[in-house]
C-alpha atoms as a PDB file:
ATOM      1  CA  ALA A   1     -58.357  11.552  -5.497  1.00  0.00           C
ATOM      2  CA  ARG A   2     -59.539  13.109  -1.778  1.00  0.00           C
ATOM      3  CA  SER A   3     -60.830  10.192   0.208  1.00  0.00           C
ATOM      4  CA  ASP A   4     -64.668  13.113   1.036  1.00  0.00           C
ATOM      5  CA  GLN A   5     -65.916  12.896  -1.995  1.00  0.00           C
ATOM      6  CA  PRO A   6     -67.370   9.073  -3.834  1.00  0.00           C
ATOM      7  CA  PRO A   7     -65.489   7.993  -6.137  1.00  0.00           C
ATOM      8  CA  ARG A   8     -66.267   8.163 -10.236  1.00  0.00           C
ATOM      9  CA  PRO A   9     -67.986   5.826 -11.659  1.00  0.00           C
ATOM     10  CA  LEU A  10     -64.720   6.053 -14.408  1.00  0.00           C
ATOM     11  CA  CYS A  11     -61.479   7.012 -14.442  1.00  0.00           C
ATOM     12  CA  ARG A  12     -60.619  10.596 -16.180  1.00  0.00           C
ATOM     13  CA  ALA A  13     -58.400   8.628 -19.223  1.00  0.00           C
ATOM     14  CA  CYS A  14     -61.820   6.040 -19.818  1.00  0.00           C
ATOM     15  CA  ALA A  15     -64.233   8.650 -19.091  1.00  0.00           C
ATOM     16  CA  ALA A  16     -61.765  11.065 -21.751  1.00  0.00           C
ATOM     17  CA  ASP A  17     -62.112   8.011 -23.885  1.00  0.00           C
ATOM     18  CA  LEU A  18     -66.076   8.290 -24.450  1.00  0.00           C
ATOM     19  CA  PRO A  19     -67.392   9.104 -27.871  1.00  0.00           C
ATOM     20  CA  TRP A  20     -68.586  12.860 -26.943  1.00  0.00           C
ATOM     21  CA  SER A  21     -70.640  14.366 -29.312  1.00  0.00           C
ATOM     22  CA  ARG A  22     -69.461  17.336 -29.382  1.00  0.00           C
ATOM     23  CA  GLN A  23     -70.659  19.250 -32.601  1.00  0.00           C
ATOM     24  CA  GLN A  24     -74.770  18.203 -33.124  1.00  0.00           C
ATOM     25  CA  CYS A  25     -78.107  19.941 -33.879  1.00  0.00           C
ATOM     26  CA  ARG A  26     -79.381  21.096 -31.922  1.00  0.00           C
ATOM     27  CA  ARG A  27     -82.777  19.644 -32.781  1.00  0.00           C
ATOM     28  CA  CYS A  28     -82.406  16.014 -33.119  1.00  0.00           C
ATOM     29  CA  ALA A  29     -78.489  15.794 -32.141  1.00  0.00           C
ATOM     30  CA  LEU A  30     -77.495  14.188 -35.247  1.00  0.00           C
ATOM     31  CA  PRO A  31     -73.651  14.796 -35.782  1.00  0.00           C
ATOM     32  CA  LEU A  32     -72.819  18.147 -37.681  1.00  0.00           C
ATOM     33  CA  PRO A  33     -69.705  19.439 -38.917  1.00  0.00           C
ATOM     34  CA  LEU A  34     -70.592  22.436 -36.454  1.00  0.00           C
ATOM     35  CA  ASP A  35     -72.284  22.780 -33.333  1.00  0.00           C
ATOM     36  CA  GLY A  36     -75.730  24.468 -32.590  1.00  0.00           C
ATOM     37  CA  GLN A  37     -76.306  24.166 -36.353  1.00  0.00           C
ATOM     38  CA  VAL A  38     -80.297  22.813 -36.869  1.00  0.00           C
ATOM     39  CA  CYS A  39     -79.743  19.827 -39.902  1.00  0.00           C
ATOM     40  CA  GLY A  40     -81.109  19.491 -42.983  1.00  0.00           C
ATOM     41  CA  GLU A  41     -83.712  16.939 -42.049  1.00  0.00           C
ATOM     42  CA  CYS A  42     -84.968  18.398 -38.715  1.00  0.00           C
ATOM     43  CA  LEU A  43     -85.233  21.956 -41.286  1.00  0.00           C
ATOM     44  CA  ARG A  44     -87.110  20.496 -43.400  1.00  0.00           C
ATOM     45  CA  ARG A  45     -89.633  18.188 -41.373  1.00  0.00           C
ATOM     46  CA  PRO A  46     -88.741  19.958 -37.625  1.00  0.00           C
ATOM     47  CA  PRO A  47     -89.541  16.025 -35.593  1.00  0.00           C
ATOM     48  CA  ALA A  48     -92.338  17.344 -32.705  1.00  0.00           C
ATOM     49  CA  TYR A  49     -89.575  16.786 -29.715  1.00  0.00           C
ATOM     50  CA  GLU A  50     -87.469  20.483 -28.617  1.00  0.00           C
ATOM     51  CA  GLN A  51     -84.469  18.939 -28.565  1.00  0.00           C
ATOM     52  CA  ALA A  52     -82.845  15.595 -28.497  1.00  0.00           C
ATOM     53  CA  ILE A  53     -80.129  15.593 -25.902  1.00  0.00           C
ATOM     54  CA  ALA A  54     -77.581  12.411 -26.379  1.00  0.00           C
ATOM     55  CA  PRO A  55     -73.632  13.043 -25.462  1.00  0.00           C
ATOM     56  CA  TRP A  56     -71.890  10.460 -26.618  1.00  0.00           C
ATOM     57  CA  ARG A  57     -72.306   9.737 -30.701  1.00  0.00           C
ATOM     58  CA  TYR A  58     -73.160   6.031 -30.459  1.00  0.00           C
ATOM     59  CA  ALA A  59     -69.197   4.891 -31.303  1.00  0.00           C
ATOM     60  CA  PHE A  60     -66.911   2.279 -29.167  1.00  0.00           C
ATOM     61  CA  PRO A  61     -66.142   1.454 -26.639  1.00  0.00           C
ATOM     62  CA  LEU A  62     -69.870   2.857 -25.763  1.00  0.00           C
ATOM     63  CA  ASP A  63     -71.617   0.914 -28.537  1.00  0.00           C
ATOM     64  CA  SER A  64     -69.965  -2.346 -26.636  1.00  0.00           C
ATOM     65  CA  LEU A  65     -71.193  -0.826 -23.159  1.00  0.00           C
ATOM     66  CA  ILE A  66     -75.291  -0.351 -24.110  1.00  0.00           C
ATOM     67  CA  ASN A  67     -74.734  -3.501 -26.202  1.00  0.00           C
ATOM     68  CA  ARG A  68     -73.859  -5.843 -23.125  1.00  0.00           C
ATOM     69  CA  PHE A  69     -76.023  -3.821 -20.676  1.00  0.00           C
ATOM     70  CA  LYS A  70     -78.824  -4.911 -23.223  1.00  0.00           C
ATOM     71  CA  HIS A  71     -78.061  -8.321 -24.321  1.00  0.00           C
ATOM     72  CA  GLN A  72     -75.868  -9.418 -22.028  1.00  0.00           C
ATOM     73  CA  ALA A  73     -77.861  -9.012 -19.394  1.00  0.00           C
ATOM     74  CA  ALA A  74     -74.733  -6.743 -17.838  1.00  0.00           C
ATOM     75  CA  TRP A  75     -77.300  -4.566 -15.107  1.00  0.00           C
ATOM     76  CA  PRO A  76     -74.117  -3.098 -12.946  1.00  0.00           C
ATOM     77  CA  LEU A  77     -73.470  -1.232 -16.145  1.00  0.00           C
ATOM     78  CA  GLY A  78     -76.493   0.259 -16.684  1.00  0.00           C
ATOM     79  CA  ARG A  79     -76.105   1.682 -13.253  1.00  0.00           C
ATOM     80  CA  LEU A  80     -72.434   3.066 -14.739  1.00  0.00           C
ATOM     81  CA  LEU A  81     -73.855   4.487 -17.648  1.00  0.00           C
ATOM     82  CA  GLY A  82     -76.940   7.175 -15.966  1.00  0.00           C
ATOM     83  CA  GLU A  83     -74.006   8.390 -13.582  1.00  0.00           C
ATOM     84  CA  LEU A  84     -72.015   9.118 -16.640  1.00  0.00           C
ATOM     85  CA  LEU A  85     -75.811  10.886 -18.094  1.00  0.00           C
ATOM     86  CA  ALA A  86     -75.983  12.448 -14.616  1.00  0.00           C
ATOM     87  CA  GLU A  87     -72.661  14.000 -14.504  1.00  0.00           C
END
């Protein structure tokens, strides 16, 4: 990496291991087999909001990071998660 660039919160390999949400409902972000569709629940009862954004599925290792942040006071993980969301 170039020295004039700020350090990344995670290396590229670790970031690639996050459970990225590739295909999801375009309203609620529920995982779906195809991207850009609307799930049955949103078709039956549209939510009050226009769109939810969920870059990851709640799966390992993200679930562990969130749990440690929330329940074990691992506050630096909040910054890490915020920086990842901002990318």
